[in-house]
PDB file of all heavy atoms in Angstrom:
ATOM      1  N   ALA A   1      12.906 -20.945   7.501  1.00  0.00           N
ATOM      2  CA  ALA A   1      12.838 -19.849   8.471  1.00  0.00           C
ATOM      3  C   ALA A   1      13.030 -18.506   7.765  1.00  0.00           C
ATOM      4  O   ALA A   1      12.359 -17.508   8.075  1.00  0.00           O
ATOM      5  CB  ALA A   1      13.895 -20.045   9.546  1.00  0.00           C
ATOM      6  N   MET A   2      13.925 -18.492   6.795  1.00  0.00           N
ATOM      7  CA  MET A   2      14.173 -17.278   6.014  1.00  0.00           C
ATOM      8  C   MET A   2      12.917 -16.891   5.231  1.00  0.00           C
ATOM      9  O   MET A   2      12.565 -15.700   5.147  1.00  0.00           O
ATOM     10  CB  MET A   2      15.339 -17.540   5.051  1.00  0.00           C
ATOM     11  CG  MET A   2      15.775 -16.341   4.251  1.00  0.00           C
ATOM     12  SD  MET A   2      17.166 -16.767   3.176  1.00  0.00           S
ATOM     13  CE  MET A   2      17.308 -15.262   2.237  1.00  0.00           C
ATOM     14  N   ALA A   3      12.211 -17.894   4.687  1.00  0.00           N
ATOM     15  CA  ALA A   3      10.977 -17.628   3.933  1.00  0.00           C
ATOM     16  C   ALA A   3       9.913 -17.000   4.835  1.00  0.00           C
ATOM     17  O   ALA A   3       9.189 -16.083   4.421  1.00  0.00           O
ATOM     18  CB  ALA A   3      10.461 -18.925   3.315  1.00  0.00           C
ATOM     19  N   ARG A   4       9.830 -17.476   6.081  1.00  0.00           N
ATOM     20  CA  ARG A   4       8.859 -16.899   7.025  1.00  0.00           C
ATOM     21  C   ARG A   4       9.188 -15.439   7.320  1.00  0.00           C
ATOM     22  O   ARG A   4       8.293 -14.599   7.447  1.00  0.00           O
ATOM     23  CB  ARG A   4       8.822 -17.728   8.308  1.00  0.00           C
ATOM     24  CG  ARG A   4       8.096 -19.058   8.152  1.00  0.00           C
ATOM     25  CD  ARG A   4       7.810 -19.690   9.501  1.00  0.00           C
ATOM     26  NE  ARG A   4       9.025 -20.117  10.180  1.00  0.00           N
ATOM     27  CZ  ARG A   4       9.571 -21.332  10.031  1.00  0.00           C
ATOM     28  NH1 ARG A   4       8.999 -22.218   9.228  1.00  0.00           N
ATOM     29  NH2 ARG A   4      10.663 -21.653  10.683  1.00  0.00           N
ATOM     30  N   CYS A   5      10.481 -15.159   7.431  1.00  0.00           N
ATOM     31  CA  CYS A   5      10.899 -13.769   7.667  1.00  0.00           C
ATOM     32  C   CYS A   5      10.523 -12.885   6.474  1.00  0.00           C
ATOM     33  O   CYS A   5      10.016 -11.762   6.656  1.00  0.00           O
ATOM     34  CB  CYS A   5      12.402 -13.700   7.900  1.00  0.00           C
ATOM     35  SG  CYS A   5      12.952 -14.465   9.446  1.00  0.00           S
ATOM     36  N   GLU A   6      10.789 -13.388   5.270  1.00  0.00           N
ATOM     37  CA  GLU A   6      10.467 -12.604   4.073  1.00  0.00           C
ATOM     38  C   GLU A   6       8.957 -12.387   3.947  1.00  0.00           C
ATOM     39  O   GLU A   6       8.504 -11.334   3.485  1.00  0.00           O
ATOM     40  CB  GLU A   6      11.005 -13.309   2.815  1.00  0.00           C
ATOM     41  CG  GLU A   6      12.520 -13.459   2.769  1.00  0.00           C
ATOM     42  CD  GLU A   6      13.241 -12.121   2.780  1.00  0.00           C
ATOM     43  OE1 GLU A   6      12.687 -11.127   2.260  1.00  0.00           O
ATOM     44  OE2 GLU A   6      14.363 -12.047   3.323  1.00  0.00           O
ATOM     45  N   GLN A   7       8.184 -13.375   4.379  1.00  0.00           N
ATOM     46  CA  GLN A   7       6.727 -13.224   4.369  1.00  0.00           C
ATOM     47  C   GLN A   7       6.295 -12.118   5.331  1.00  0.00           C
ATOM     48  O   GLN A   7       5.421 -11.304   5.020  1.00  0.00           O
ATOM     49  CB  GLN A   7       6.065 -14.545   4.746  1.00  0.00           C
ATOM     50  CG  GLN A   7       4.541 -14.517   4.667  1.00  0.00           C
ATOM     51  CD  GLN A   7       3.920 -15.813   5.153  1.00  0.00           C
ATOM     52  OE1 GLN A   7       4.384 -16.406   6.125  1.00  0.00           O
ATOM     53  NE2 GLN A   7       2.872 -16.258   4.485  1.00  0.00           N
ATOM     54  N   THR A   8       6.943 -12.080   6.498  1.00  0.00           N
ATOM     55  CA  THR A   8       6.636 -11.037   7.482  1.00  0.00           C
ATOM     56  C   THR A   8       6.970  -9.651   6.931  1.00  0.00           C
ATOM     57  O   THR A   8       6.276  -8.668   7.222  1.00  0.00           O
ATOM     58  CB  THR A   8       7.440 -11.282   8.774  1.00  0.00           C
ATOM     59  OG1 THR A   8       7.163 -12.597   9.256  1.00  0.00           O
ATOM     60  CG2 THR A   8       7.107 -10.273   9.849  1.00  0.00           C
ATOM     61  N   LEU A   9       8.027  -9.591   6.111  1.00  0.00           N
ATOM     62  CA  LEU A   9       8.454  -8.321   5.517  1.00  0.00           C
ATOM     63  C   LEU A   9       7.668  -7.982   4.245  1.00  0.00           C
ATOM     64  O   LEU A   9       7.959  -6.970   3.590  1.00  0.00           O
ATOM     65  CB  LEU A   9       9.949  -8.387   5.178  1.00  0.00           C
ATOM     66  CG  LEU A   9      10.910  -8.514   6.363  1.00  0.00           C
ATOM     67  CD1 LEU A   9      12.315  -8.867   5.877  1.00  0.00           C
ATOM     68  CD2 LEU A   9      10.932  -7.226   7.170  1.00  0.00           C
ATOM     69  N   PHE A  10       6.701  -8.854   3.880  1.00  0.00           N
ATOM     70  CA  PHE A  10       5.907  -8.689   2.657  1.00  0.00           C
ATOM     71  C   PHE A  10       6.793  -8.627   1.420  1.00  0.00           C
ATOM     72  O   PHE A  10       6.527  -7.887   0.474  1.00  0.00           O
ATOM     73  CB  PHE A  10       5.020  -7.422   2.739  1.00  0.00           C
ATOM     74  CG  PHE A  10       4.048  -7.460   3.880  1.00  0.00           C
ATOM     75  CD1 PHE A  10       4.311  -6.760   5.054  1.00  0.00           C
ATOM     76  CD2 PHE A  10       2.885  -8.217   3.797  1.00  0.00           C
ATOM     77  CE1 PHE A  10       3.422  -6.802   6.118  1.00  0.00           C
ATOM     78  CE2 PHE A  10       1.998  -8.260   4.858  1.00  0.00           C
ATOM     79  CZ  PHE A  10       2.257  -7.567   6.019  1.00  0.00           C
ATOM     80  N   ASN A  11       7.868  -9.418   1.448  1.00  0.00           N
ATOM     81  CA  ASN A  11       8.787  -9.510   0.305  1.00  0.00           C
ATOM     82  C   ASN A  11       8.511 -10.835  -0.413  1.00  0.00           C
ATOM     83  O   ASN A  11       9.169 -11.846  -0.162  1.00  0.00           O
ATOM     84  CB  ASN A  11      10.237  -9.435   0.792  1.00  0.00           C
ATOM     85  CG  ASN A  11      11.230  -9.538  -0.359  1.00  0.00           C
ATOM     86  OD1 ASN A  11      10.858  -9.415  -1.523  1.00  0.00           O
ATOM     87  ND2 ASN A  11      12.492  -9.795  -0.037  1.00  0.00           N
ATOM     88  N   ALA A  12       7.512 -10.823  -1.296  1.00  0.00           N
ATOM     89  CA  ALA A  12       7.094 -12.057  -1.964  1.00  0.00           C
ATOM     90  C   ALA A  12       8.204 -12.691  -2.818  1.00  0.00           C
ATOM     91  O   ALA A  12       8.386 -13.914  -2.772  1.00  0.00           O
ATOM     92  CB  ALA A  12       5.856 -11.792  -2.815  1.00  0.00           C
ATOM     93  N   PRO A  13       8.985 -11.919  -3.605  1.00  0.00           N
ATOM     94  CA  PRO A  13      10.063 -12.554  -4.388  1.00  0.00           C
ATOM     95  C   PRO A  13      11.084 -13.272  -3.499  1.00  0.00           C
ATOM     96  O   PRO A  13      11.528 -14.377  -3.819  1.00  0.00           O
ATOM     97  CB  PRO A  13      10.700 -11.381  -5.133  1.00  0.00           C
ATOM     98  CG  PRO A  13       9.618 -10.357  -5.226  1.00  0.00           C
ATOM     99  CD  PRO A  13       8.843 -10.491  -3.952  1.00  0.00           C
ATOM    100  N   GLY A  14      11.444 -12.637  -2.376  1.00  0.00           N
ATOM    101  CA  GLY A  14      12.385 -13.270  -1.443  1.00  0.00           C
ATOM    102  C   GLY A  14      11.807 -14.524  -0.815  1.00  0.00           C
ATOM    103  O   GLY A  14      12.507 -15.537  -0.626  1.00  0.00           O
ATOM    104  N   GLU A  15      10.510 -14.480  -0.513  1.00  0.00           N
ATOM    105  CA  GLU A  15       9.849 -15.649   0.071  1.00  0.00           C
ATOM    106  C   GLU A  15       9.829 -16.806  -0.921  1.00  0.00           C
ATOM    107  O   GLU A  15      10.140 -17.957  -0.562  1.00  0.00           O
ATOM    108  CB  GLU A  15       8.417 -15.285   0.455  1.00  0.00           C
ATOM    109  CG  GLU A  15       7.646 -16.429   1.103  1.00  0.00           C
ATOM    110  CD  GLU A  15       6.175 -16.111   1.300  1.00  0.00           C
ATOM    111  OE1 GLU A  15       5.749 -14.987   0.979  1.00  0.00           O
ATOM    112  OE2 GLU A  15       5.440 -17.013   1.771  1.00  0.00           O
ATOM    113  N   ALA A  16       9.493 -16.507  -2.175  1.00  0.00           N
ATOM    114  CA  ALA A  16       9.442 -17.552  -3.206  1.00  0.00           C
ATOM    115  C   ALA A  16      10.818 -18.174  -3.424  1.00  0.00           C
ATOM    116  O   ALA A  16      10.951 -19.401  -3.561  1.00  0.00           O
ATOM    117  CB  ALA A  16       8.920 -16.965  -4.516  1.00  0.00           C
ATOM    118  N   LEU A  17      11.857 -17.338  -3.440  1.00  0.00           N
ATOM    119  CA  LEU A  17      13.223 -17.841  -3.641  1.00  0.00           C
ATOM    120  C   LEU A  17      13.651 -18.742  -2.492  1.00  0.00           C
ATOM    121  O   LEU A  17      14.225 -19.819  -2.702  1.00  0.00           O
ATOM    122  CB  LEU A  17      14.183 -16.660  -3.785  1.00  0.00           C
ATOM    123  CG  LEU A  17      15.662 -17.012  -4.002  1.00  0.00           C
ATOM    124  CD1 LEU A  17      15.834 -17.821  -5.284  1.00  0.00           C
ATOM    125  CD2 LEU A  17      16.512 -15.754  -4.042  1.00  0.00           C
ATOM    126  N   ALA A  18      13.371 -18.309  -1.246  1.00  0.00           N
ATOM    127  CA  ALA A  18      13.753 -19.115  -0.077  1.00  0.00           C
ATOM    128  C   ALA A  18      12.996 -20.450  -0.056  1.00  0.00           C
ATOM    129  O   ALA A  18      13.569 -21.492   0.266  1.00  0.00           O
ATOM    130  CB  ALA A  18      13.481 -18.321   1.200  1.00  0.00           C
ATOM    131  N   LEU A  19      11.720 -20.420  -0.409  1.00  0.00           N
ATOM    132  CA  LEU A  19      10.926 -21.650  -0.450  1.00  0.00           C
ATOM    133  C   LEU A  19      11.457 -22.607  -1.518  1.00  0.00           C
ATOM    134  O   LEU A  19      11.534 -23.824  -1.306  1.00  0.00           O
ATOM    135  CB  LEU A  19       9.459 -21.322  -0.730  1.00  0.00           C
ATOM    136  CG  LEU A  19       8.650 -20.764   0.440  1.00  0.00           C
ATOM    137  CD1 LEU A  19       7.318 -20.207  -0.052  1.00  0.00           C
ATOM    138  CD2 LEU A  19       8.410 -21.841   1.504  1.00  0.00           C
ATOM    139  N   THR A  20      11.837 -22.045  -2.670  1.00  0.00           N
ATOM    140  CA  THR A  20      12.368 -22.876  -3.762  1.00  0.00           C
ATOM    141  C   THR A  20      13.691 -23.509  -3.359  1.00  0.00           C
ATOM    142  O   THR A  20      13.933 -24.701  -3.615  1.00  0.00           O
ATOM    143  CB  THR A  20      12.550 -22.022  -5.033  1.00  0.00           C
ATOM    144  OG1 THR A  20      11.306 -21.430  -5.385  1.00  0.00           O
ATOM    145  CG2 THR A  20      13.033 -22.882  -6.190  1.00  0.00           C
ATOM    146  N   ASP A  21      14.562 -22.721  -2.709  1.00  0.00           N
ATOM    147  CA  ASP A  21      15.841 -23.265  -2.239  1.00  0.00           C
ATOM    148  C   ASP A  21      15.611 -24.384  -1.224  1.00  0.00           C
ATOM    149  O   ASP A  21      16.280 -25.425  -1.266  1.00  0.00           O
ATOM    150  CB  ASP A  21      16.686 -22.158  -1.605  1.00  0.00           C
ATOM    151  CG  ASP A  21      17.260 -21.203  -2.642  1.00  0.00           C
ATOM    152  OD1 ASP A  21      17.296 -21.582  -3.824  1.00  0.00           O
ATOM    153  OD2 ASP A  21      17.654 -20.078  -2.269  1.00  0.00           O
ATOM    154  N   ALA A  22      14.656 -24.179  -0.318  1.00  0.00           N
ATOM    155  CA  ALA A  22      14.347 -25.204   0.687  1.00  0.00           C
ATOM    156  C   ALA A  22      13.831 -26.468   0.017  1.00  0.00           C
ATOM    157  O   ALA A  22      14.225 -27.595   0.373  1.00  0.00           O
ATOM    158  CB  ALA A  22      13.309 -24.665   1.676  1.00  0.00           C
ATOM    159  N   ALA A  23      12.959 -26.306  -0.971  1.00  0.00           N
ATOM    160  CA  ALA A  23      12.395 -27.463  -1.683  1.00  0.00           C
ATOM    161  C   ALA A  23      13.488 -28.269  -2.365  1.00  0.00           C
ATOM    162  O   ALA A  23      13.520 -29.510  -2.284  1.00  0.00           O
ATOM    163  CB  ALA A  23      11.372 -26.975  -2.717  1.00  0.00           C
ATOM    164  N   ARG A  24      14.416 -27.575  -3.018  1.00  0.00           N
ATOM    165  CA  ARG A  24      15.497 -28.275  -3.733  1.00  0.00           C
ATOM    166  C   ARG A  24      16.442 -28.985  -2.772  1.00  0.00           C
ATOM    167  O   ARG A  24      16.939 -30.072  -3.066  1.00  0.00           O
ATOM    168  CB  ARG A  24      16.260 -27.274  -4.608  1.00  0.00           C
ATOM    169  CG  ARG A  24      15.448 -26.811  -5.812  1.00  0.00           C
ATOM    170  CD  ARG A  24      16.094 -25.653  -6.534  1.00  0.00           C
ATOM    171  NE  ARG A  24      15.311 -25.262  -7.707  1.00  0.00           N
ATOM    172  CZ  ARG A  24      15.443 -24.103  -8.334  1.00  0.00           C
ATOM    173  NH1 ARG A  24      16.317 -23.197  -7.900  1.00  0.00           N
ATOM    174  NH2 ARG A  24      14.709 -23.824  -9.400  1.00  0.00           N
ATOM    175  N   LEU A  25      16.676 -28.374  -1.623  1.00  0.00           N
ATOM    176  CA  LEU A  25      17.548 -29.004  -0.629  1.00  0.00           C
ATOM    177  C   LEU A  25      16.894 -30.249  -0.033  1.00  0.00           C
ATOM    178  O   LEU A  25      17.543 -31.284   0.143  1.00  0.00           O
ATOM    179  CB  LEU A  25      17.890 -28.003   0.471  1.00  0.00           C
ATOM    180  CG  LEU A  25      18.871 -26.896   0.070  1.00  0.00           C
ATOM    181  CD1 LEU A  25      18.869 -25.781   1.106  1.00  0.00           C
ATOM    182  CD2 LEU A  25      20.273 -27.459  -0.108  1.00  0.00           C
ATOM    183  N   PHE A  26      15.607 -30.168   0.279  1.00  0.00           N
ATOM    184  CA  PHE A  26      14.892 -31.340   0.790  1.00  0.00           C
ATOM    185  C   PHE A  26      14.896 -32.463  -0.247  1.00  0.00           C
ATOM    186  O   PHE A  26      15.071 -33.640   0.087  1.00  0.00           O
ATOM    187  CB  PHE A  26      13.446 -30.974   1.147  1.00  0.00           C
ATOM    188  CG  PHE A  26      13.280 -30.361   2.502  1.00  0.00           C
ATOM    189  CD1 PHE A  26      12.602 -29.156   2.657  1.00  0.00           C
ATOM    190  CD2 PHE A  26      13.790 -30.983   3.642  1.00  0.00           C
ATOM    191  CE1 PHE A  26      12.439 -28.586   3.916  1.00  0.00           C
ATOM    192  CE2 PHE A  26      13.631 -30.419   4.900  1.00  0.00           C
ATOM    193  CZ  PHE A  26      12.950 -29.217   5.034  1.00  0.00           C
ATOM    194  N   LEU A  27      14.717 -32.078  -1.516  1.00  0.00           N
ATOM    195  CA  LEU A  27      14.697 -33.068  -2.591  1.00  0.00           C
ATOM    196  C   LEU A  27      16.070 -33.726  -2.753  1.00  0.00           C
ATOM    197  O   LEU A  27      16.160 -34.953  -2.918  1.00  0.00           O
ATOM    198  CB  LEU A  27      14.282 -32.389  -3.902  1.00  0.00           C
ATOM    199  CG  LEU A  27      13.746 -33.279  -5.014  1.00  0.00           C
ATOM    200  CD1 LEU A  27      12.534 -34.071  -4.548  1.00  0.00           C
ATOM    201  CD2 LEU A  27      13.380 -32.439  -6.234  1.00  0.00           C
ATOM    202  N   SER A  28      17.121 -32.935  -2.677  1.00  0.00           N
ATOM    203  CA  SER A  28      18.487 -33.490  -2.770  1.00  0.00           C
ATOM    204  C   SER A  28      18.768 -34.430  -1.604  1.00  0.00           C
ATOM    205  O   SER A  28      19.405 -35.478  -1.775  1.00  0.00           O
ATOM    206  CB  SER A  28      19.515 -32.359  -2.781  1.00  0.00           C
ATOM    207  OG  SER A  28      19.354 -31.538  -3.912  1.00  0.00           O
ATOM    208  N   SER A  29      18.293 -34.064  -0.418  1.00  0.00           N
ATOM    209  CA  SER A  29      18.472 -34.914   0.758  1.00  0.00           C
ATOM    210  C   SER A  29      17.754 -36.252   0.578  1.00  0.00           C
ATOM    211  O   SER A  29      18.281 -37.314   0.919  1.00  0.00           O
ATOM    212  CB  SER A  29      17.950 -34.196   2.005  1.00  0.00           C
ATOM    213  OG  SER A  29      18.168 -34.963   3.162  1.00  0.00           O
ATOM    214  N   GLU A  30      16.547 -36.197  -0.003  1.00  0.00           N
ATOM    215  CA  GLU A  30      15.784 -37.427  -0.265  1.00  0.00           C
ATOM    216  C   GLU A  30      16.520 -38.314  -1.268  1.00  0.00           C
ATOM    217  O   GLU A  30      16.593 -39.541  -1.099  1.00  0.00           O
ATOM    218  CB  GLU A  30      14.400 -37.064  -0.796  1.00  0.00           C
ATOM    219  CG  GLU A  30      13.507 -38.260  -1.096  1.00  0.00           C
ATOM    220  CD  GLU A  30      13.075 -39.022   0.145  1.00  0.00           C
ATOM    221  OE1 GLU A  30      13.049 -38.419   1.246  1.00  0.00           O
ATOM    222  OE2 GLU A  30      12.783 -40.224   0.025  1.00  0.00           O
ATOM    223  N   LYS A  31      17.085 -37.703  -2.300  1.00  0.00           N
ATOM    224  CA  LYS A  31      17.824 -38.469  -3.316  1.00  0.00           C
ATOM    225  C   LYS A  31      19.065 -39.124  -2.706  1.00  0.00           C
ATOM    226  O   LYS A  31      19.409 -40.261  -3.049  1.00  0.00           O
ATOM    227  CB  LYS A  31      18.221 -37.560  -4.484  1.00  0.00           C
ATOM    228  CG  LYS A  31      17.046 -37.154  -5.360  1.00  0.00           C
ATOM    229  CD  LYS A  31      17.496 -36.223  -6.473  1.00  0.00           C
ATOM    230  CE  LYS A  31      16.323 -35.827  -7.363  1.00  0.00           C
ATOM    231  NZ  LYS A  31      16.719 -34.873  -8.425  1.00  0.00           N
ATOM    232  N   GLU A  32      19.729 -38.401  -1.799  1.00  0.00           N
ATOM    233  CA  GLU A  32      20.902 -38.972  -1.118  1.00  0.00           C
ATOM    234  C   GLU A  32      20.504 -40.189  -0.286  1.00  0.00           C
ATOM    235  O   GLU A  32      21.188 -41.215  -0.297  1.00  0.00           O
ATOM    236  CB  GLU A  32      21.564 -37.913  -0.229  1.00  0.00           C
ATOM    237  CG  GLU A  32      22.468 -36.962  -0.975  1.00  0.00           C
ATOM    238  CD  GLU A  32      23.300 -36.107  -0.024  1.00  0.00           C
ATOM    239  OE1 GLU A  32      23.228 -36.330   1.212  1.00  0.00           O
ATOM    240  OE2 GLU A  32      24.016 -35.223  -0.511  1.00  0.00           O
ATOM    241  N   ASN A  33      19.410 -40.060   0.453  1.00  0.00           N
ATOM    242  CA  ASN A  33      18.929 -41.188   1.265  1.00  0.00           C
ATOM    243  C   ASN A  33      18.598 -42.395   0.406  1.00  0.00           C
ATOM    244  O   ASN A  33      18.890 -43.538   0.771  1.00  0.00           O
ATOM    245  CB  ASN A  33      17.686 -40.769   2.065  1.00  0.00           C
ATOM    246  CG  ASN A  33      18.030 -39.871   3.236  1.00  0.00           C
ATOM    247  OD1 ASN A  33      19.206 -39.665   3.548  1.00  0.00           O
ATOM    248  ND2 ASN A  33      17.023 -39.319   3.887  1.00  0.00           N
ATOM    249  N   ARG A  34      18.000 -42.140  -0.759  1.00  0.00           N
ATOM    250  CA  ARG A  34      17.644 -43.241  -1.649  1.00  0.00           C
ATOM    251  C   ARG A  34      18.894 -43.888  -2.234  1.00  0.00           C
ATOM    252  O   ARG A  34      18.955 -45.106  -2.395  1.00  0.00           O
ATOM    253  CB  ARG A  34      16.737 -42.737  -2.782  1.00  0.00           C
ATOM    254  CG  ARG A  34      15.316 -42.472  -2.324  1.00  0.00           C
ATOM    255  CD  ARG A  34      14.498 -41.773  -3.411  1.00  0.00           C
ATOM    256  NE  ARG A  34      13.134 -41.606  -2.944  1.00  0.00           N
ATOM    257  CZ  ARG A  34      12.157 -42.475  -3.177  1.00  0.00           C
ATOM    258  NH1 ARG A  34      12.391 -43.565  -3.865  1.00  0.00           N
ATOM    259  NH2 ARG A  34      10.944 -42.262  -2.723  1.00  0.00           N
ATOM    260  N   ALA A  35      19.886 -43.047  -2.577  1.00  0.00           N
ATOM    261  CA  ALA A  35      21.136 -43.587  -3.127  1.00  0.00           C
ATOM    262  C   ALA A  35      21.853 -44.471  -2.096  1.00  0.00           C
ATOM    263  O   ALA A  35      22.469 -45.481  -2.445  1.00  0.00           O
ATOM    264  CB  ALA A  35      22.043 -42.444  -3.570  1.00  0.00           C
ATOM    265  N   LEU A  36      21.736 -44.091  -0.822  1.00  0.00           N
ATOM    266  CA  LEU A  36      22.354 -44.872   0.260  1.00  0.00           C
ATOM    267  C   LEU A  36      21.459 -46.025   0.722  1.00  0.00           C
ATOM    268  O   LEU A  36      21.876 -46.823   1.574  1.00  0.00           O
ATOM    269  CB  LEU A  36      22.649 -43.955   1.451  1.00  0.00           C
ATOM    270  CG  LEU A  36      23.692 -42.853   1.223  1.00  0.00           C
ATOM    271  CD1 LEU A  36      23.685 -41.878   2.377  1.00  0.00           C
ATOM    272  CD2 LEU A  36      25.072 -43.464   1.043  1.00  0.00           C
TER     273      LEU A  36
END
C-alpha cells in the first residue's frame, strides 16, 4: 500500500524501497511456512 502511495507521488526511489521490503517480507513468510 505504501508503494502505491509513493507511485502516486511520483517518488520512484520510495516505491522501489517499499516494493523490495514487501518482497522480502513475503519471502520470509514463505520460508516460515516451509519450516513449519
